Amino acid sequence: MDFRKIVLNFFSVLNSIYLGLVIYIEFFMENLTKEPYEIYYDLWMYVFVGYCAILIFNYAMFGKVTLWNFKSNK
């Protein structure tokens, strides 16, 4: 694998773990203090921003929009 692909896939996994922790901590541990609509809206904003960051990072490094880069072009 190319070094840039390794960096991108590591970033994607790290961002997915971060989003999972945000979802768990923010929306399952503190959901008693918020209205259900606020929880739903905040959840979608975190997920949208997180995966947009992956797509922008991937586009900047590889010139294409995708979440993962496993295919080898040999």
PDB file of N, CA and C in Angstrom:
ATOM      1  N   MET A   1       0.833  -1.199   0.000  1.00  0.00           N
ATOM      2  CA  MET A   1       0.000   0.000   0.000  1.00  0.00           C
ATOM      3  C   MET A   1       0.871   1.253   0.000  1.00  0.00           C
ATOM      4  N   ASP A   2       0.348   2.254  -0.597  1.00  0.00           N
ATOM      5  CA  ASP A   2       1.004   3.553  -0.646  1.00  0.00           C
ATOM      6  C   ASP A   2       0.912   4.222   0.733  1.00  0.00           C
ATOM      7  N   PHE A   3       1.927   5.022   1.067  1.00  0.00           N
ATOM      8  CA  PHE A   3       1.940   5.692   2.365  1.00  0.00           C
ATOM      9  C   PHE A   3       0.738   6.613   2.534  1.00  0.00           C
ATOM     10  N   ARG A   4       0.358   7.318   1.468  1.00  0.00           N
ATOM     11  CA  ARG A   4      -0.793   8.223   1.564  1.00  0.00           C
ATOM     12  C   ARG A   4      -2.079   7.452   1.837  1.00  0.00           C
ATOM     13  N   LYS A   5      -2.213   6.250   1.276  1.00  0.00           N
ATOM     14  CA  LYS A   5      -3.406   5.442   1.539  1.00  0.00           C
ATOM     15  C   LYS A   5      -3.438   4.977   2.990  1.00  0.00           C
ATOM     16  N   ILE A   6      -2.278   4.633   3.514  1.00  0.00           N
ATOM     17  CA  ILE A   6      -2.208   4.222   4.917  1.00  0.00           C
ATOM     18  C   ILE A   6      -2.621   5.377   5.821  1.00  0.00           C
ATOM     19  N   VAL A   7      -2.124   6.577   5.528  1.00  0.00           N
ATOM     20  CA  VAL A   7      -2.486   7.753   6.329  1.00  0.00           C
ATOM     21  C   VAL A   7      -3.981   8.015   6.243  1.00  0.00           C
ATOM     22  N   LEU A   8      -4.537   7.939   5.043  1.00  0.00           N
ATOM     23  CA  LEU A   8      -5.963   8.194   4.871  1.00  0.00           C
ATOM     24  C   LEU A   8      -6.810   7.166   5.607  1.00  0.00           C
ATOM     25  N   ASN A   9      -6.471   5.886   5.479  1.00  0.00           N
ATOM     26  CA  ASN A   9      -7.252   4.853   6.149  1.00  0.00           C
ATOM     27  C   ASN A   9      -7.124   4.968   7.665  1.00  0.00           C
ATOM     28  N   PHE A  10      -5.945   5.326   8.166  1.00  0.00           N
ATOM     29  CA  PHE A  10      -5.783   5.550   9.601  1.00  0.00           C
ATOM     30  C   PHE A  10      -6.647   6.718  10.055  1.00  0.00           C
ATOM     31  N   PHE A  11      -6.645   7.798   9.281  1.00  0.00           N
ATOM     32  CA  PHE A  11      -7.474   8.956   9.605  1.00  0.00           C
ATOM     33  C   PHE A  11      -8.956   8.582   9.595  1.00  0.00           C
ATOM     34  N   SER A  12      -9.371   7.771   8.634  1.00  0.00           N
ATOM     35  CA  SER A  12     -10.772   7.357   8.551  1.00  0.00           C
ATOM     36  C   SER A  12     -11.175   6.520   9.762  1.00  0.00           C
ATOM     37  N   VAL A  13     -10.312   5.586  10.154  1.00  0.00           N
ATOM     38  CA  VAL A  13     -10.606   4.761  11.330  1.00  0.00           C
ATOM     39  C   VAL A  13     -10.620   5.624  12.586  1.00  0.00           C
ATOM     40  N   LEU A  14      -9.653   6.522  12.716  1.00  0.00           N
ATOM     41  CA  LEU A  14      -9.599   7.398  13.885  1.00  0.00           C
ATOM     42  C   LEU A  14     -10.831   8.290  13.967  1.00  0.00           C
ATOM     43  N   ASN A  15     -11.274   8.822  12.834  1.00  0.00           N
ATOM     44  CA  ASN A  15     -12.452   9.671  12.823  1.00  0.00           C
ATOM     45  C   ASN A  15     -13.709   8.867  13.141  1.00  0.00           C
ATOM     46  N   SER A  16     -13.784   7.615  12.676  1.00  0.00           N
ATOM     47  CA  SER A  16     -14.935   6.774  13.005  1.00  0.00           C
ATOM     48  C   SER A  16     -14.982   6.460  14.496  1.00  0.00           C
ATOM     49  N   ILE A  17     -13.815   6.195  15.094  1.00  0.00           N
ATOM     50  CA  ILE A  17     -13.764   5.958  16.543  1.00  0.00           C
ATOM     51  C   ILE A  17     -14.174   7.217  17.296  1.00  0.00           C
ATOM     52  N   TYR A  18     -13.686   8.373  16.844  1.00  0.00           N
ATOM     53  CA  TYR A  18     -14.066   9.643  17.464  1.00  0.00           C
ATOM     54  C   TYR A  18     -15.573   9.862  17.387  1.00  0.00           C
ATOM     55  N   LEU A  19     -16.156   9.619  16.217  1.00  0.00           N
ATOM     56  CA  LEU A  19     -17.601   9.795  16.078  1.00  0.00           C
ATOM     57  C   LEU A  19     -18.362   8.825  16.973  1.00  0.00           C
ATOM     58  N   GLY A  20     -17.864   7.589  17.082  1.00  0.00           N
ATOM     59  CA  GLY A  20     -18.504   6.625  17.969  1.00  0.00           C
ATOM     60  C   GLY A  20     -18.459   7.076  19.420  1.00  0.00           C
ATOM     61  N   LEU A  21     -17.323   7.607  19.856  1.00  0.00           N
ATOM     62  CA  LEU A  21     -17.217   8.102  21.227  1.00  0.00           C
ATOM     63  C   LEU A  21     -18.098   9.321  21.456  1.00  0.00           C
ATOM     64  N   VAL A  22     -18.153  10.221  20.476  1.00  0.00           N
ATOM     65  CA  VAL A  22     -19.022  11.390  20.607  1.00  0.00           C
ATOM     66  C   VAL A  22     -20.472  10.958  20.716  1.00  0.00           C
ATOM     67  N   ILE A  23     -20.875  10.015  19.879  1.00  0.00           N
ATOM     68  CA  ILE A  23     -22.256   9.532  19.918  1.00  0.00           C
ATOM     69  C   ILE A  23     -22.548   8.884  21.262  1.00  0.00           C
ATOM     70  N   TYR A  24     -21.626   8.062  21.761  1.00  0.00           N
ATOM     71  CA  TYR A  24     -21.865   7.385  23.034  1.00  0.00           C
ATOM     72  C   TYR A  24     -21.911   8.373  24.195  1.00  0.00           C
ATOM     73  N   ILE A  25     -20.905   9.226  24.308  1.00  0.00           N
ATOM     74  CA  ILE A  25     -20.823  10.139  25.452  1.00  0.00           C
ATOM     75  C   ILE A  25     -21.912  11.206  25.401  1.00  0.00           C
ATOM     76  N   GLU A  26     -22.064  11.832  24.241  1.00  0.00           N
ATOM     77  CA  GLU A  26     -22.972  12.971  24.133  1.00  0.00           C
ATOM     78  C   GLU A  26     -24.438  12.556  24.105  1.00  0.00           C
ATOM     79  N   PHE A  27     -24.740  11.461  23.454  1.00  0.00           N
ATOM     80  CA  PHE A  27     -26.140  11.167  23.177  1.00  0.00           C
ATOM     81  C   PHE A  27     -26.707  10.010  23.987  1.00  0.00           C
ATOM     82  N   PHE A  28     -25.865   9.213  24.641  1.00  0.00           N
ATOM     83  CA  PHE A  28     -26.396   8.140  25.465  1.00  0.00           C
ATOM     84  C   PHE A  28     -26.147   8.362  26.949  1.00  0.00           C
ATOM     85  N   MET A  29     -25.115   9.119  27.298  1.00  0.00           N
ATOM     86  CA  MET A  29     -24.842   9.367  28.707  1.00  0.00           C
ATOM     87  C   MET A  29     -25.512  10.637  29.212  1.00  0.00           C
ATOM     88  N   GLU A  30     -25.738  11.614  28.324  1.00  0.00           N
ATOM     89  CA  GLU A  30     -26.305  12.890  28.757  1.00  0.00           C
ATOM     90  C   GLU A  30     -27.661  13.165  28.121  1.00  0.00           C
ATOM     91  N   ASN A  31     -28.361  12.144  27.696  1.00  0.00           N
ATOM     92  CA  ASN A  31     -29.611  12.382  26.965  1.00  0.00           C
ATOM     93  C   ASN A  31     -30.772  12.763  27.872  1.00  0.00           C
ATOM     94  N   LEU A  32     -30.596  12.729  29.170  1.00  0.00           N
ATOM     95  CA  LEU A  32     -31.697  13.080  30.062  1.00  0.00           C
ATOM     96  C   LEU A  32     -31.873  14.590  30.189  1.00  0.00           C
ATOM     97  N   THR A  33     -30.865  15.358  29.817  1.00  0.00           N
ATOM     98  CA  THR A  33     -30.937  16.810  29.984  1.00  0.00           C
ATOM     99  C   THR A  33     -31.356  17.539  28.719  1.00  0.00           C
ATOM    100  N   LYS A  34     -31.556  16.820  27.625  1.00  0.00           N
ATOM    101  CA  LYS A  34     -31.882  17.466  26.359  1.00  0.00           C
ATOM    102  C   LYS A  34     -33.226  16.986  25.838  1.00  0.00           C
ATOM    103  N   GLU A  35     -33.792  17.782  24.978  1.00  0.00           N
ATOM    104  CA  GLU A  35     -35.009  17.389  24.278  1.00  0.00           C
ATOM    105  C   GLU A  35     -34.647  16.391  23.176  1.00  0.00           C
ATOM    106  N   PRO A  36     -35.560  15.478  22.831  1.00  0.00           N
ATOM    107  CA  PRO A  36     -35.249  14.492  21.778  1.00  0.00           C
ATOM    108  C   PRO A  36     -34.893  15.131  20.438  1.00  0.00           C
ATOM    109  N   TYR A  37     -35.535  16.238  20.091  1.00  0.00           N
ATOM    110  CA  TYR A  37     -35.224  16.886  18.815  1.00  0.00           C
ATOM    111  C   TYR A  37     -33.793  17.416  18.796  1.00  0.00           C
ATOM    112  N   GLU A  38     -33.339  17.976  19.919  1.00  0.00           N
ATOM    113  CA  GLU A  38     -31.969  18.480  19.993  1.00  0.00           C
ATOM    114  C   GLU A  38     -30.958  17.350  19.859  1.00  0.00           C
ATOM    115  N   ILE A  39     -31.241  16.206  20.464  1.00  0.00           N
ATOM    116  CA  ILE A  39     -30.338  15.058  20.371  1.00  0.00           C
ATOM    117  C   ILE A  39     -30.224  14.615  18.921  1.00  0.00           C
ATOM    118  N   TYR A  40     -31.342  14.503  18.231  1.00  0.00           N
ATOM    119  CA  TYR A  40     -31.346  14.048  16.842  1.00  0.00           C
ATOM    120  C   TYR A  40     -30.598  15.033  15.950  1.00  0.00           C
ATOM    121  N   TYR A  41     -30.833  16.310  16.128  1.00  0.00           N
ATOM    122  CA  TYR A  41     -30.174  17.335  15.312  1.00  0.00           C
ATOM    123  C   TYR A  41     -28.670  17.352  15.562  1.00  0.00           C
ATOM    124  N   ASP A  42     -28.244  17.318  16.821  1.00  0.00           N
ATOM    125  CA  ASP A  42     -26.821  17.323  17.146  1.00  0.00           C
ATOM    126  C   ASP A  42     -26.124  16.083  16.609  1.00  0.00           C
ATOM    127  N   LEU A  43     -26.774  14.932  16.702  1.00  0.00           N
ATOM    128  CA  LEU A  43     -26.190  13.692  16.200  1.00  0.00           C
ATOM    129  C   LEU A  43     -25.911  13.792  14.709  1.00  0.00           C
ATOM    130  N   TRP A  44     -26.873  14.276  13.954  1.00  0.00           N
ATOM    131  CA  TRP A  44     -26.672  14.394  12.508  1.00  0.00           C
ATOM    132  C   TRP A  44     -25.585  15.403  12.183  1.00  0.00           C
ATOM    133  N   MET A  45     -25.468  16.464  12.951  1.00  0.00           N
ATOM    134  CA  MET A  45     -24.424  17.455  12.685  1.00  0.00           C
ATOM    135  C   MET A  45     -23.035  16.874  12.939  1.00  0.00           C
ATOM    136  N   TYR A  46     -22.855  16.128  14.039  1.00  0.00           N
ATOM    137  CA  TYR A  46     -21.560  15.513  14.310  1.00  0.00           C
ATOM    138  C   TYR A  46     -21.186  14.515  13.222  1.00  0.00           C
ATOM    139  N   VAL A  47     -22.117  13.665  12.834  1.00  0.00           N
ATOM    140  CA  VAL A  47     -21.837  12.656  11.812  1.00  0.00           C
ATOM    141  C   VAL A  47     -21.543  13.327  10.468  1.00  0.00           C
ATOM    142  N   PHE A  48     -22.328  14.319  10.096  1.00  0.00           N
ATOM    143  CA  PHE A  48     -22.133  15.010   8.825  1.00  0.00           C
ATOM    144  C   PHE A  48     -20.770  15.690   8.769  1.00  0.00           C
ATOM    145  N   VAL A  49     -20.421  16.420   9.810  1.00  0.00           N
ATOM    146  CA  VAL A  49     -19.138  17.128   9.826  1.00  0.00           C
ATOM    147  C   VAL A  49     -17.975  16.142   9.844  1.00  0.00           C
ATOM    148  N   GLY A  50     -18.106  15.059  10.596  1.00  0.00           N
ATOM    149  CA  GLY A  50     -17.033  14.068  10.667  1.00  0.00           C
ATOM    150  C   GLY A  50     -16.756  13.404   9.336  1.00  0.00           C
ATOM    151  N   TYR A  51     -17.808  12.963   8.661  1.00  0.00           N
ATOM    152  CA  TYR A  51     -17.589  12.300   7.382  1.00  0.00           C
ATOM    153  C   TYR A  51     -17.263  13.287   6.271  1.00  0.00           C
ATOM    154  N   CYS A  52     -17.688  14.518   6.368  1.00  0.00           N
ATOM    155  CA  CYS A  52     -17.238  15.538   5.409  1.00  0.00           C
ATOM    156  C   CYS A  52     -15.738  15.764   5.558  1.00  0.00           C
ATOM    157  N   ALA A  53     -15.244  15.706   6.787  1.00  0.00           N
ATOM    158  CA  ALA A  53     -13.803  15.853   6.998  1.00  0.00           C
ATOM    159  C   ALA A  53     -13.041  14.718   6.319  1.00  0.00           C
ATOM    160  N   ILE A  54     -13.544  13.486   6.405  1.00  0.00           N
ATOM    161  CA  ILE A  54     -12.899  12.361   5.725  1.00  0.00           C
ATOM    162  C   ILE A  54     -12.898  12.584   4.219  1.00  0.00           C
ATOM    163  N   LEU A  55     -14.042  12.986   3.663  1.00  0.00           N
ATOM    164  CA  LEU A  55     -14.142  13.164   2.216  1.00  0.00           C
ATOM    165  C   LEU A  55     -13.241  14.299   1.720  1.00  0.00           C
ATOM    166  N   ILE A  56     -13.171  15.397   2.460  1.00  0.00           N
ATOM    167  CA  ILE A  56     -12.319  16.519   2.061  1.00  0.00           C
ATOM    168  C   ILE A  56     -10.846  16.131   2.140  1.00  0.00           C
ATOM    169  N   PHE A  57     -10.468  15.422   3.198  1.00  0.00           N
ATOM    170  CA  PHE A  57      -9.092  14.966   3.351  1.00  0.00           C
ATOM    171  C   PHE A  57      -8.720  14.026   2.213  1.00  0.00           C
ATOM    172  N   ASN A  58      -9.625  13.124   1.870  1.00  0.00           N
ATOM    173  CA  ASN A  58      -9.382  12.174   0.788  1.00  0.00           C
ATOM    174  C   ASN A  58      -9.276  12.890  -0.555  1.00  0.00           C
ATOM    175  N   TYR A  59     -10.138  13.850  -0.798  1.00  0.00           N
ATOM    176  CA  TYR A  59     -10.090  14.596  -2.059  1.00  0.00           C
ATOM    177  C   TYR A  59      -8.793  15.401  -2.175  1.00  0.00           C
ATOM    178  N   ALA A  60      -8.344  15.953  -1.066  1.00  0.00           N
ATOM    179  CA  ALA A  60      -7.104  16.727  -1.088  1.00  0.00           C
ATOM    180  C   ALA A  60      -5.890  15.845  -1.362  1.00  0.00           C
ATOM    181  N   MET A  61      -5.894  14.608  -0.861  1.00  0.00           N
ATOM    182  CA  MET A  61      -4.737  13.737  -1.034  1.00  0.00           C
ATOM    183  C   MET A  61      -4.776  12.941  -2.329  1.00  0.00           C
ATOM    184  N   PHE A  62      -5.966  12.545  -2.784  1.00  0.00           N
ATOM    185  CA  PHE A  62      -6.055  11.617  -3.909  1.00  0.00           C
ATOM    186  C   PHE A  62      -6.830  12.154  -5.101  1.00  0.00           C
ATOM    187  N   GLY A  63      -7.517  13.273  -4.967  1.00  0.00           N
ATOM    188  CA  GLY A  63      -8.258  13.835  -6.076  1.00  0.00           C
ATOM    189  C   GLY A  63      -9.551  13.119  -6.387  1.00  0.00           C
ATOM    190  N   LYS A  64     -10.064  12.314  -5.455  1.00  0.00           N
ATOM    191  CA  LYS A  64     -11.351  11.657  -5.644  1.00  0.00           C
ATOM    192  C   LYS A  64     -12.082  11.602  -4.310  1.00  0.00           C
ATOM    193  N   VAL A  65     -13.389  11.513  -4.381  1.00  0.00           N
ATOM    194  CA  VAL A  65     -14.213  11.536  -3.176  1.00  0.00           C
ATOM    195  C   VAL A  65     -14.642  10.111  -2.852  1.00  0.00           C
ATOM    196  N   THR A  66     -14.061   9.554  -1.797  1.00  0.00           N
ATOM    197  CA  THR A  66     -14.412   8.224  -1.315  1.00  0.00           C
ATOM    198  C   THR A  66     -14.015   8.142   0.160  1.00  0.00           C
ATOM    199  N   LEU A  67     -14.581   7.178   0.866  1.00  0.00           N
ATOM    200  CA  LEU A  67     -14.254   7.045   2.288  1.00  0.00           C
ATOM    201  C   LEU A  67     -13.021   6.180   2.525  1.00  0.00           C
ATOM    202  N   TRP A  68     -12.767   5.208   1.657  1.00  0.00           N
ATOM    203  CA  TRP A  68     -11.658   4.282   1.857  1.00  0.00           C
ATOM    204  C   TRP A  68     -10.854   4.173   0.577  1.00  0.00           C
ATOM    205  N   ASN A  69      -9.561   3.890   0.702  1.00  0.00           N
ATOM    206  CA  ASN A  69      -8.676   3.681  -0.437  1.00  0.00           C
ATOM    207  C   ASN A  69      -7.907   2.387  -0.238  1.00  0.00           C
ATOM    208  N   PHE A  70      -8.490   1.267  -0.628  1.00  0.00           N
ATOM    209  CA  PHE A  70      -7.809  -0.018  -0.516  1.00  0.00           C
ATOM    210  C   PHE A  70      -7.341  -0.544  -1.864  1.00  0.00           C
ATOM    211  N   LYS A  71      -7.928  -0.070  -2.960  1.00  0.00           N
ATOM    212  CA  LYS A  71      -7.590  -0.602  -4.276  1.00  0.00           C
ATOM    213  C   LYS A  71      -6.183  -0.171  -4.669  1.00  0.00           C
ATOM    214  N   SER A  72      -5.415  -1.133  -5.150  1.00  0.00           N
ATOM    215  CA  SER A  72      -4.058  -0.863  -5.590  1.00  0.00           C
ATOM    216  C   SER A  72      -4.041  -0.737  -7.106  1.00  0.00           C
ATOM    217  N   ASN A  73      -3.447   0.318  -7.616  1.00  0.00           N
ATOM    218  CA  ASN A  73      -3.350   0.535  -9.061  1.00  0.00           C
ATOM    219  C   ASN A  73      -1.950   0.161  -9.535  1.00  0.00           C
ATOM    220  N   LYS A  74      -1.758  -1.114  -9.836  1.00  0.00           N
ATOM    221  CA  LYS A  74      -0.441  -1.574 -10.310  1.00  0.00           C
ATOM    222  C   LYS A  74      -0.525  -1.951 -11.761  1.00  0.00           C
TER     223      LYS A  74
END
